[in-house]
Amino acid sequence: DTSCIDAISSALLWCKTILSSITVQIYSMPLFLKPLVTVLDCEHMCGFIVRHRPHLMFLHLDGVDVSGHAYYWGSPEYYSASKAADGYVGRVMAALAGAGLLNDTLVILTADHGGFRDNHGDFNEANIFVPVLLRGPGVRRGHALSRYVSNRDIAPSMLHALGLLPGQYMVGRVLEEAFE
């Protein structure tokens, strides 16, 4: 089943290391619009991981979303962008492993919305549910979530993984069944 992988357009890498100083790096990588620049950006980011061992990193891969809007969800261009995004995530995971951070890093892959053919605004499962893949310390291995996931569930779940309570105005839920 590739339904979760197909819709990945953004990835969040949260490094759960407790140190007195925090190194943060943010990357936005337009996979679909500038593929040559993206390769260089990905290599730069992977080098940054190995050299600086960041404590927090956000990686935005918008090529899947851009191709869904431009060519429709499920089109050959959409699947090509999905394959490229998968390759970049693989490179980042390899960089985390090379830096000795992989086993101490919570990785959350998700998307901003679903889509079906030429639409992502209808109120149906293909549009409102987002995929989420989690890997890292405290995450149950091989477990499939039994309920849908909303984008508003991601931040409370990250805070939970860090041992923090969600803010009083957060409306999302902690994906408790994903954690041990």
N, C-alpha and C. Protein backbone atom coordinates (compact mmCIF):
# COMPACT_ATOMS: atom_id res chain seq x y z
N ASP A 1 0.85 -1.18 0.00
CA ASP A 1 0.00 0.00 0.00
C ASP A 1 0.89 1.24 0.00
N THR A 2 0.76 2.05 -1.02
CA THR A 2 1.61 3.24 -1.14
C THR A 2 0.83 4.53 -0.86
N SER A 3 -0.39 4.44 -0.35
CA SER A 3 -1.21 5.64 -0.18
C SER A 3 -0.56 6.66 0.76
N CYS A 4 0.11 6.22 1.80
CA CYS A 4 0.78 7.17 2.70
C CYS A 4 1.96 7.83 2.01
N ILE A 5 2.77 7.04 1.30
CA ILE A 5 3.96 7.58 0.64
C ILE A 5 3.55 8.56 -0.45
N ASP A 6 2.51 8.27 -1.19
CA ASP A 6 2.11 9.10 -2.32
C ASP A 6 1.80 10.53 -1.93
N ALA A 7 1.28 10.75 -0.76
CA ALA A 7 0.82 12.09 -0.39
C ALA A 7 1.86 12.89 0.41
N ILE A 8 3.03 12.34 0.62
CA ILE A 8 4.02 13.07 1.42
C ILE A 8 4.51 14.28 0.67
N SER A 9 4.25 15.47 1.19
CA SER A 9 4.77 16.69 0.57
C SER A 9 5.57 17.51 1.56
N SER A 10 5.54 17.12 2.81
CA SER A 10 6.38 17.83 3.77
C SER A 10 6.88 16.83 4.79
N ALA A 11 8.02 17.09 5.32
CA ALA A 11 8.59 16.20 6.32
C ALA A 11 9.11 17.03 7.46
N LEU A 12 8.91 16.52 8.65
CA LEU A 12 9.41 17.21 9.82
C LEU A 12 10.39 16.30 10.51
N LEU A 13 11.58 16.77 10.73
CA LEU A 13 12.59 16.02 11.45
C LEU A 13 12.82 16.71 12.79
N TRP A 14 12.54 16.04 13.85
CA TRP A 14 12.67 16.62 15.18
C TRP A 14 13.72 15.81 15.92
N CYS A 15 14.83 16.40 16.20
CA CYS A 15 15.91 15.71 16.89
C CYS A 15 15.75 15.89 18.39
N LYS A 16 15.49 14.80 19.10
CA LYS A 16 15.20 14.85 20.52
C LYS A 16 16.49 14.64 21.33
N THR A 17 17.33 15.66 21.36
CA THR A 17 18.57 15.62 22.12
C THR A 17 18.51 16.74 23.15
N ILE A 18 18.77 16.43 24.39
CA ILE A 18 18.70 17.45 25.44
C ILE A 18 20.11 17.98 25.68
N LEU A 19 20.35 19.20 25.24
CA LEU A 19 21.62 19.88 25.44
C LEU A 19 21.34 21.32 25.82
N SER A 20 22.35 22.02 26.33
CA SER A 20 22.14 23.40 26.77
C SER A 20 21.99 24.36 25.60
N SER A 21 22.60 24.07 24.44
CA SER A 21 22.44 24.93 23.26
C SER A 21 21.75 24.13 22.17
N ILE A 22 21.00 24.84 21.35
CA ILE A 22 20.23 24.18 20.30
C ILE A 22 20.64 24.75 18.96
N THR A 23 20.93 23.86 18.02
CA THR A 23 21.23 24.25 16.66
C THR A 23 19.99 23.97 15.83
N VAL A 24 19.51 24.96 15.11
CA VAL A 24 18.29 24.82 14.31
C VAL A 24 18.61 25.13 12.86
N GLN A 25 18.09 24.34 11.95
CA GLN A 25 18.25 24.60 10.52
C GLN A 25 16.91 24.37 9.84
N ILE A 26 16.52 25.28 8.97
CA ILE A 26 15.26 25.16 8.23
C ILE A 26 15.57 25.16 6.75
N TYR A 27 15.00 24.22 6.02
CA TYR A 27 15.17 24.13 4.58
C TYR A 27 13.82 24.04 3.91
N SER A 28 13.67 24.75 2.83
CA SER A 28 12.51 24.58 1.96
C SER A 28 13.07 24.16 0.62
N MET A 29 12.65 23.00 0.15
CA MET A 29 13.23 22.43 -1.06
C MET A 29 12.15 22.26 -2.13
N PRO A 30 12.11 23.11 -3.14
CA PRO A 30 11.10 22.98 -4.20
C PRO A 30 11.47 21.85 -5.16
N LEU A 31 11.05 20.63 -4.83
CA LEU A 31 11.42 19.46 -5.61
C LEU A 31 10.99 19.55 -7.07
N PHE A 32 9.81 20.03 -7.30
CA PHE A 32 9.26 19.98 -8.65
C PHE A 32 9.77 21.12 -9.53
N LEU A 33 9.92 22.30 -8.96
CA LEU A 33 10.25 23.46 -9.77
C LEU A 33 11.73 23.58 -10.10
N LYS A 34 12.61 23.20 -9.19
CA LYS A 34 14.04 23.37 -9.40
C LYS A 34 14.78 22.11 -8.99
N PRO A 35 14.66 21.02 -9.75
CA PRO A 35 15.26 19.76 -9.30
C PRO A 35 16.77 19.81 -9.16
N LEU A 36 17.50 20.56 -9.98
CA LEU A 36 18.96 20.61 -9.84
C LEU A 36 19.36 21.33 -8.57
N VAL A 37 18.67 22.42 -8.26
CA VAL A 37 18.94 23.15 -7.02
C VAL A 37 18.59 22.27 -5.83
N THR A 38 17.53 21.50 -5.95
CA THR A 38 17.10 20.63 -4.86
C THR A 38 18.15 19.61 -4.52
N VAL A 39 18.78 19.01 -5.50
CA VAL A 39 19.82 18.04 -5.24
C VAL A 39 20.94 18.69 -4.43
N LEU A 40 21.34 19.88 -4.83
CA LEU A 40 22.39 20.59 -4.10
C LEU A 40 21.93 20.96 -2.70
N ASP A 41 20.67 21.41 -2.56
CA ASP A 41 20.14 21.75 -1.24
C ASP A 41 20.14 20.52 -0.33
N CYS A 42 19.73 19.39 -0.87
CA CYS A 42 19.68 18.16 -0.08
C CYS A 42 21.09 17.76 0.36
N GLU A 43 22.05 17.83 -0.54
CA GLU A 43 23.42 17.49 -0.19
C GLU A 43 23.97 18.45 0.87
N HIS A 44 23.64 19.74 0.73
CA HIS A 44 24.07 20.73 1.72
C HIS A 44 23.46 20.42 3.08
N MET A 45 22.17 20.10 3.09
CA MET A 45 21.49 19.81 4.34
C MET A 45 22.07 18.56 4.99
N CYS A 46 22.34 17.53 4.21
CA CYS A 46 22.90 16.30 4.76
C CYS A 46 24.29 16.57 5.35
N GLY A 47 25.07 17.40 4.67
CA GLY A 47 26.37 17.79 5.20
C GLY A 47 26.24 18.56 6.50
N PHE A 48 25.22 19.42 6.57
CA PHE A 48 24.95 20.19 7.79
C PHE A 48 24.65 19.24 8.95
N ILE A 49 23.86 18.21 8.69
CA ILE A 49 23.52 17.24 9.74
C ILE A 49 24.78 16.59 10.28
N VAL A 50 25.64 16.15 9.39
CA VAL A 50 26.86 15.45 9.81
C VAL A 50 27.81 16.40 10.55
N ARG A 51 27.98 17.61 10.04
CA ARG A 51 28.93 18.56 10.63
C ARG A 51 28.44 19.19 11.93
N HIS A 52 27.15 19.57 11.97
CA HIS A 52 26.66 20.36 13.10
C HIS A 52 25.73 19.62 14.05
N ARG A 53 25.28 18.44 13.68
CA ARG A 53 24.41 17.62 14.54
C ARG A 53 23.27 18.47 15.14
N PRO A 54 22.38 19.00 14.29
CA PRO A 54 21.33 19.91 14.79
C PRO A 54 20.38 19.22 15.76
N HIS A 55 19.79 20.02 16.62
CA HIS A 55 18.84 19.52 17.60
C HIS A 55 17.41 19.62 17.11
N LEU A 56 17.20 20.46 16.13
CA LEU A 56 15.87 20.62 15.55
C LEU A 56 16.04 20.93 14.08
N MET A 57 15.29 20.24 13.24
CA MET A 57 15.36 20.51 11.81
C MET A 57 13.98 20.35 11.21
N PHE A 58 13.63 21.26 10.33
CA PHE A 58 12.39 21.18 9.57
C PHE A 58 12.76 21.13 8.11
N LEU A 59 12.22 20.18 7.42
CA LEU A 59 12.47 20.02 5.99
C LEU A 59 11.14 20.05 5.27
N HIS A 60 10.98 20.99 4.36
CA HIS A 60 9.74 21.12 3.60
C HIS A 60 9.99 20.67 2.18
N LEU A 61 9.34 19.60 1.77
CA LEU A 61 9.44 19.07 0.41
C LEU A 61 8.13 19.36 -0.29
N ASP A 62 8.08 20.41 -1.08
CA ASP A 62 6.79 20.82 -1.65
C ASP A 62 6.55 20.32 -3.06
N GLY A 63 7.45 19.54 -3.62
CA GLY A 63 7.29 19.09 -4.99
C GLY A 63 6.08 18.21 -5.23
N VAL A 64 5.74 17.38 -4.27
CA VAL A 64 4.57 16.50 -4.42
C VAL A 64 3.31 17.35 -4.48
N ASP A 65 3.21 18.32 -3.58
CA ASP A 65 2.05 19.21 -3.55
C ASP A 65 1.95 20.03 -4.83
N VAL A 66 3.07 20.60 -5.26
CA VAL A 66 3.08 21.41 -6.48
C VAL A 66 2.63 20.58 -7.68
N SER A 67 3.14 19.36 -7.80
CA SER A 67 2.75 18.53 -8.95
C SER A 67 1.29 18.09 -8.85
N GLY A 68 0.78 17.89 -7.62
CA GLY A 68 -0.64 17.56 -7.46
C GLY A 68 -1.53 18.69 -7.94
N HIS A 69 -1.16 19.91 -7.60
CA HIS A 69 -1.94 21.07 -8.04
C HIS A 69 -1.80 21.29 -9.55
N ALA A 70 -0.61 21.12 -10.07
CA ALA A 70 -0.36 21.42 -11.49
C ALA A 70 -0.85 20.31 -12.43
N TYR A 71 -0.69 19.05 -12.03
CA TYR A 71 -0.97 17.93 -12.93
C TYR A 71 -2.00 16.96 -12.39
N TYR A 72 -2.52 17.19 -11.21
CA TYR A 72 -3.51 16.34 -10.56
C TYR A 72 -2.85 15.25 -9.73
N TRP A 73 -3.51 14.95 -8.62
CA TRP A 73 -3.05 13.89 -7.74
C TRP A 73 -3.21 12.57 -8.46
N GLY A 74 -2.19 11.76 -8.40
CA GLY A 74 -2.21 10.46 -9.06
C GLY A 74 -1.68 10.49 -10.49
N SER A 75 -1.26 11.64 -10.98
CA SER A 75 -0.71 11.74 -12.34
C SER A 75 0.72 11.19 -12.36
N PRO A 76 1.25 10.89 -13.55
CA PRO A 76 2.66 10.44 -13.62
C PRO A 76 3.62 11.47 -13.01
N GLU A 77 3.35 12.77 -13.20
CA GLU A 77 4.20 13.81 -12.62
C GLU A 77 4.14 13.79 -11.09
N TYR A 78 2.95 13.52 -10.58
CA TYR A 78 2.77 13.42 -9.14
C TYR A 78 3.59 12.28 -8.58
N TYR A 79 3.52 11.11 -9.23
CA TYR A 79 4.28 9.96 -8.76
C TYR A 79 5.78 10.17 -8.93
N SER A 80 6.18 10.88 -9.95
CA SER A 80 7.60 11.20 -10.13
C SER A 80 8.09 12.10 -8.99
N ALA A 81 7.30 13.10 -8.63
CA ALA A 81 7.66 13.97 -7.51
C ALA A 81 7.68 13.20 -6.19
N SER A 82 6.76 12.25 -6.03
CA SER A 82 6.73 11.41 -4.84
C SER A 82 8.01 10.58 -4.73
N LYS A 83 8.42 10.03 -5.86
CA LYS A 83 9.65 9.23 -5.88
C LYS A 83 10.86 10.09 -5.54
N ALA A 84 10.91 11.30 -6.07
CA ALA A 84 12.02 12.22 -5.75
C ALA A 84 12.01 12.55 -4.26
N ALA A 85 10.85 12.84 -3.70
CA ALA A 85 10.75 13.16 -2.27
C ALA A 85 11.22 11.98 -1.43
N ASP A 86 10.85 10.78 -1.82
CA ASP A 86 11.27 9.58 -1.11
C ASP A 86 12.80 9.47 -1.12
N GLY A 87 13.42 9.78 -2.24
CA GLY A 87 14.87 9.75 -2.33
C GLY A 87 15.53 10.76 -1.41
N TYR A 88 14.96 11.96 -1.32
CA TYR A 88 15.52 12.98 -0.43
C TYR A 88 15.37 12.58 1.03
N VAL A 89 14.23 12.02 1.38
CA VAL A 89 14.03 11.55 2.75
C VAL A 89 15.05 10.45 3.06
N GLY A 90 15.30 9.55 2.10
CA GLY A 90 16.30 8.50 2.29
C GLY A 90 17.68 9.07 2.54
N ARG A 91 18.04 10.11 1.80
CA ARG A 91 19.36 10.75 1.99
C ARG A 91 19.46 11.38 3.37
N VAL A 92 18.39 12.02 3.81
CA VAL A 92 18.40 12.64 5.14
C VAL A 92 18.53 11.56 6.22
N MET A 93 17.80 10.47 6.07
CA MET A 93 17.89 9.38 7.04
C MET A 93 19.31 8.81 7.08
N ALA A 94 19.94 8.67 5.92
CA ALA A 94 21.32 8.18 5.86
C ALA A 94 22.28 9.17 6.53
N ALA A 95 22.04 10.47 6.35
CA ALA A 95 22.88 11.48 7.01
C ALA A 95 22.71 11.41 8.52
N LEU A 96 21.48 11.23 8.99
CA LEU A 96 21.24 11.09 10.42
C LEU A 96 21.97 9.87 10.97
N ALA A 97 21.93 8.76 10.22
CA ALA A 97 22.64 7.55 10.63
C ALA A 97 24.15 7.80 10.64
N GLY A 98 24.66 8.47 9.62
CA GLY A 98 26.08 8.76 9.53
C GLY A 98 26.58 9.66 10.65
N ALA A 99 25.70 10.52 11.14
CA ALA A 99 26.05 11.43 12.24
C ALA A 99 25.83 10.78 13.60
N GLY A 100 25.34 9.54 13.60
CA GLY A 100 25.05 8.87 14.86
C GLY A 100 23.82 9.40 15.57
N LEU A 101 22.91 10.04 14.82
CA LEU A 101 21.72 10.66 15.40
C LEU A 101 20.43 9.88 15.15
N LEU A 102 20.46 8.92 14.25
CA LEU A 102 19.22 8.28 13.82
C LEU A 102 18.43 7.66 14.97
N ASN A 103 19.08 6.97 15.87
CA ASN A 103 18.35 6.29 16.95
C ASN A 103 17.86 7.24 18.03
N ASP A 104 18.35 8.48 18.02
CA ASP A 104 17.92 9.48 19.00
C ASP A 104 17.04 10.55 18.38
N THR A 105 16.60 10.32 17.15
CA THR A 105 15.86 11.34 16.41
C THR A 105 14.43 10.88 16.15
N LEU A 106 13.49 11.73 16.49
CA LEU A 106 12.09 11.49 16.13
C LEU A 106 11.89 12.09 14.74
N VAL A 107 11.49 11.27 13.80
CA VAL A 107 11.22 11.70 12.43
C VAL A 107 9.73 11.57 12.20
N ILE A 108 9.11 12.65 11.75
CA ILE A 108 7.68 12.64 11.43
C ILE A 108 7.55 13.09 9.99
N LEU A 109 6.96 12.25 9.16
CA LEU A 109 6.66 12.59 7.76
C LEU A 109 5.16 12.77 7.65
N THR A 110 4.75 13.88 7.07
CA THR A 110 3.33 14.13 6.91
C THR A 110 3.10 15.03 5.70
N ALA A 111 1.87 15.33 5.41
CA ALA A 111 1.50 16.20 4.28
C ALA A 111 0.54 17.27 4.77
N ASP A 112 0.42 18.34 3.98
CA ASP A 112 -0.47 19.42 4.40
C ASP A 112 -1.93 19.13 4.10
N HIS A 113 -2.19 18.27 3.13
CA HIS A 113 -3.56 17.87 2.80
C HIS A 113 -3.51 16.69 1.85
N GLY A 114 -4.64 16.07 1.65
CA GLY A 114 -4.75 15.02 0.65
C GLY A 114 -5.19 15.61 -0.67
N GLY A 115 -5.55 14.76 -1.58
CA GLY A 115 -6.02 15.22 -2.87
C GLY A 115 -6.55 14.06 -3.68
N PHE A 116 -7.40 14.37 -4.63
CA PHE A 116 -7.95 13.35 -5.52
C PHE A 116 -8.22 13.99 -6.87
N ARG A 117 -7.56 13.44 -7.88
CA ARG A 117 -7.64 13.96 -9.25
C ARG A 117 -7.29 15.45 -9.28
N ASP A 118 -8.25 16.32 -9.62
CA ASP A 118 -7.93 17.74 -9.73
C ASP A 118 -8.48 18.56 -8.57
N ASN A 119 -8.72 17.91 -7.43
CA ASN A 119 -9.38 18.60 -6.34
C ASN A 119 -8.75 18.23 -5.01
N HIS A 120 -8.68 19.19 -4.12
CA HIS A 120 -8.30 18.89 -2.74
C HIS A 120 -9.14 19.68 -1.75
N GLY A 121 -10.29 20.14 -2.17
CA GLY A 121 -11.14 20.92 -1.29
C GLY A 121 -12.41 20.23 -0.84
N ASP A 122 -12.74 19.11 -1.45
CA ASP A 122 -13.97 18.41 -1.07
C ASP A 122 -13.83 17.77 0.31
N PHE A 123 -14.94 17.59 0.95
CA PHE A 123 -14.95 16.97 2.27
C PHE A 123 -15.11 15.46 2.10
N ASN A 124 -13.99 14.79 1.79
CA ASN A 124 -13.99 13.34 1.70
C ASN A 124 -12.65 12.82 2.20
N GLU A 125 -12.54 11.51 2.39
CA GLU A 125 -11.34 10.93 2.98
C GLU A 125 -10.07 11.26 2.21
N ALA A 126 -10.13 11.22 0.90
CA ALA A 126 -8.93 11.48 0.09
C ALA A 126 -8.40 12.90 0.29
N ASN A 127 -9.25 13.81 0.67
CA ASN A 127 -8.85 15.21 0.82
C ASN A 127 -8.54 15.64 2.25
N ILE A 128 -9.28 15.12 3.22
CA ILE A 128 -9.13 15.65 4.58
C ILE A 128 -8.15 14.87 5.45
N PHE A 129 -7.90 13.61 5.14
CA PHE A 129 -6.98 12.84 5.95
C PHE A 129 -5.57 13.01 5.41
N VAL A 130 -4.60 13.11 6.32
CA VAL A 130 -3.21 13.24 5.91
C VAL A 130 -2.45 12.01 6.38
N PRO A 131 -1.46 11.61 5.60
CA PRO A 131 -0.62 10.49 6.05
C PRO A 131 0.31 10.97 7.15
N VAL A 132 0.70 10.07 8.01
CA VAL A 132 1.74 10.38 8.99
C VAL A 132 2.54 9.10 9.23
N LEU A 133 3.83 9.24 9.13
CA LEU A 133 4.76 8.16 9.41
C LEU A 133 5.68 8.65 10.53
N LEU A 134 5.85 7.84 11.56
CA LEU A 134 6.70 8.22 12.68
C LEU A 134 7.77 7.15 12.89
N ARG A 135 8.97 7.60 13.24
CA ARG A 135 10.06 6.69 13.55
C ARG A 135 10.93 7.37 14.59
N GLY A 136 11.35 6.62 15.59
CA GLY A 136 12.26 7.18 16.56
C GLY A 136 12.03 6.67 17.96
N PRO A 137 12.73 7.29 18.91
CA PRO A 137 12.61 6.86 20.30
C PRO A 137 11.19 7.02 20.81
N GLY A 138 10.68 5.99 21.45
CA GLY A 138 9.35 6.04 22.03
C GLY A 138 8.22 5.76 21.05
N VAL A 139 8.52 5.53 19.77
CA VAL A 139 7.49 5.26 18.77
C VAL A 139 7.30 3.75 18.66
N ARG A 140 6.05 3.31 18.65
CA ARG A 140 5.75 1.88 18.47
C ARG A 140 6.12 1.46 17.06
N ARG A 141 6.92 0.44 16.94
CA ARG A 141 7.36 -0.05 15.63
C ARG A 141 6.27 -0.92 14.99
N GLY A 142 6.07 -0.73 13.69
CA GLY A 142 5.15 -1.56 12.93
C GLY A 142 3.69 -1.37 13.28
N HIS A 143 3.33 -0.29 13.91
CA HIS A 143 1.95 -0.05 14.33
C HIS A 143 1.23 0.86 13.35
N ALA A 144 0.05 0.48 12.93
CA ALA A 144 -0.78 1.33 12.07
C ALA A 144 -1.80 2.04 12.95
N LEU A 145 -1.93 3.34 12.76
CA LEU A 145 -2.91 4.10 13.53
C LEU A 145 -4.31 3.69 13.14
N SER A 146 -5.21 3.63 14.11
CA SER A 146 -6.57 3.17 13.84
C SER A 146 -7.52 4.31 13.50
N ARG A 147 -7.10 5.57 13.75
CA ARG A 147 -7.95 6.72 13.48
C ARG A 147 -7.27 7.64 12.47
N TYR A 148 -8.07 8.48 11.85
CA TYR A 148 -7.51 9.44 10.91
C TYR A 148 -6.60 10.43 11.64
N VAL A 149 -5.76 11.09 10.88
CA VAL A 149 -4.84 12.08 11.44
C VAL A 149 -5.11 13.42 10.77
N SER A 150 -5.15 14.44 11.58
CA SER A 150 -5.30 15.81 11.10
C SER A 150 -3.98 16.54 11.31
N ASN A 151 -3.71 17.56 10.51
CA ASN A 151 -2.49 18.34 10.71
C ASN A 151 -2.41 18.92 12.12
N ARG A 152 -3.53 19.23 12.70
CA ARG A 152 -3.51 19.83 14.03
C ARG A 152 -3.08 18.84 15.12
N ASP A 153 -2.94 17.53 14.76
CA ASP A 153 -2.48 16.53 15.71
C ASP A 153 -0.95 16.44 15.77
N ILE A 154 -0.27 17.01 14.81
CA ILE A 154 1.19 16.86 14.72
C ILE A 154 1.90 17.60 15.86
N ALA A 155 1.61 18.89 16.06
CA ALA A 155 2.30 19.66 17.10
C ALA A 155 2.08 19.08 18.50
N PRO A 156 0.84 18.74 18.91
CA PRO A 156 0.68 18.13 20.23
C PRO A 156 1.45 16.81 20.37
N SER A 157 1.55 16.07 19.28
CA SER A 157 2.28 14.80 19.32
C SER A 157 3.78 15.03 19.47
N MET A 158 4.31 16.06 18.80
CA MET A 158 5.73 16.39 18.96
C MET A 158 6.01 16.82 20.39
N LEU A 159 5.14 17.65 20.95
CA LEU A 159 5.33 18.08 22.33
C LEU A 159 5.28 16.89 23.28
N HIS A 160 4.36 15.98 23.03
CA HIS A 160 4.25 14.76 23.85
C HIS A 160 5.56 13.97 23.80
N ALA A 161 6.14 13.83 22.61
CA ALA A 161 7.39 13.09 22.46
C ALA A 161 8.53 13.75 23.24
N LEU A 162 8.45 15.05 23.42
CA LEU A 162 9.46 15.78 24.18
C LEU A 162 9.14 15.85 25.68
N GLY A 163 8.03 15.21 26.08
CA GLY A 163 7.66 15.22 27.48
C GLY A 163 6.97 16.50 27.92
N LEU A 164 6.42 17.25 26.95
CA LEU A 164 5.75 18.51 27.25
C LEU A 164 4.26 18.39 26.99
N LEU A 165 3.48 19.17 27.71
CA LEU A 165 2.04 19.20 27.50
C LEU A 165 1.70 20.14 26.35
N PRO A 166 0.64 19.82 25.58
CA PRO A 166 0.20 20.74 24.52
C PRO A 166 -0.26 22.06 25.13
N GLY A 167 -0.15 23.14 24.34
CA GLY A 167 -0.63 24.44 24.78
C GLY A 167 -2.12 24.44 24.98
N GLN A 168 -2.61 25.34 25.81
CA GLN A 168 -4.03 25.34 26.16
C GLN A 168 -4.94 25.63 24.97
N TYR A 169 -4.43 26.28 23.93
CA TYR A 169 -5.28 26.60 22.79
C TYR A 169 -5.10 25.64 21.61
N MET A 170 -4.30 24.61 21.79
CA MET A 170 -4.14 23.61 20.73
C MET A 170 -5.38 22.72 20.69
N VAL A 171 -5.92 22.52 19.51
CA VAL A 171 -7.15 21.73 19.38
C VAL A 171 -6.88 20.31 18.91
N GLY A 172 -5.68 20.02 18.47
CA GLY A 172 -5.34 18.67 18.02
C GLY A 172 -5.15 17.73 19.18
N ARG A 173 -5.10 16.45 18.86
CA ARG A 173 -4.91 15.42 19.88
C ARG A 173 -3.51 14.84 19.76
N VAL A 174 -3.02 14.29 20.84
CA VAL A 174 -1.76 13.55 20.82
C VAL A 174 -2.04 12.19 20.18
N LEU A 175 -1.21 11.79 19.27
CA LEU A 175 -1.34 10.47 18.63
C LEU A 175 -0.79 9.41 19.59
N GLU A 176 -1.48 9.26 20.74
CA GLU A 176 -0.98 8.42 21.83
C GLU A 176 -0.73 6.99 21.40
N GLU A 177 -1.54 6.45 20.52
CA GLU A 177 -1.36 5.06 20.13
C GLU A 177 -0.08 4.84 19.30
N ALA A 178 0.52 5.90 18.83
CA ALA A 178 1.76 5.79 18.08
C ALA A 178 2.97 5.64 18.99
N PHE A 179 2.80 5.98 20.26
CA PHE A 179 3.92 5.98 21.20
C PHE A 179 3.83 4.81 22.16
N GLU A 180 5.00 4.36 22.62
CA GLU A 180 5.05 3.24 23.58
C GLU A 180 4.58 3.69 24.94
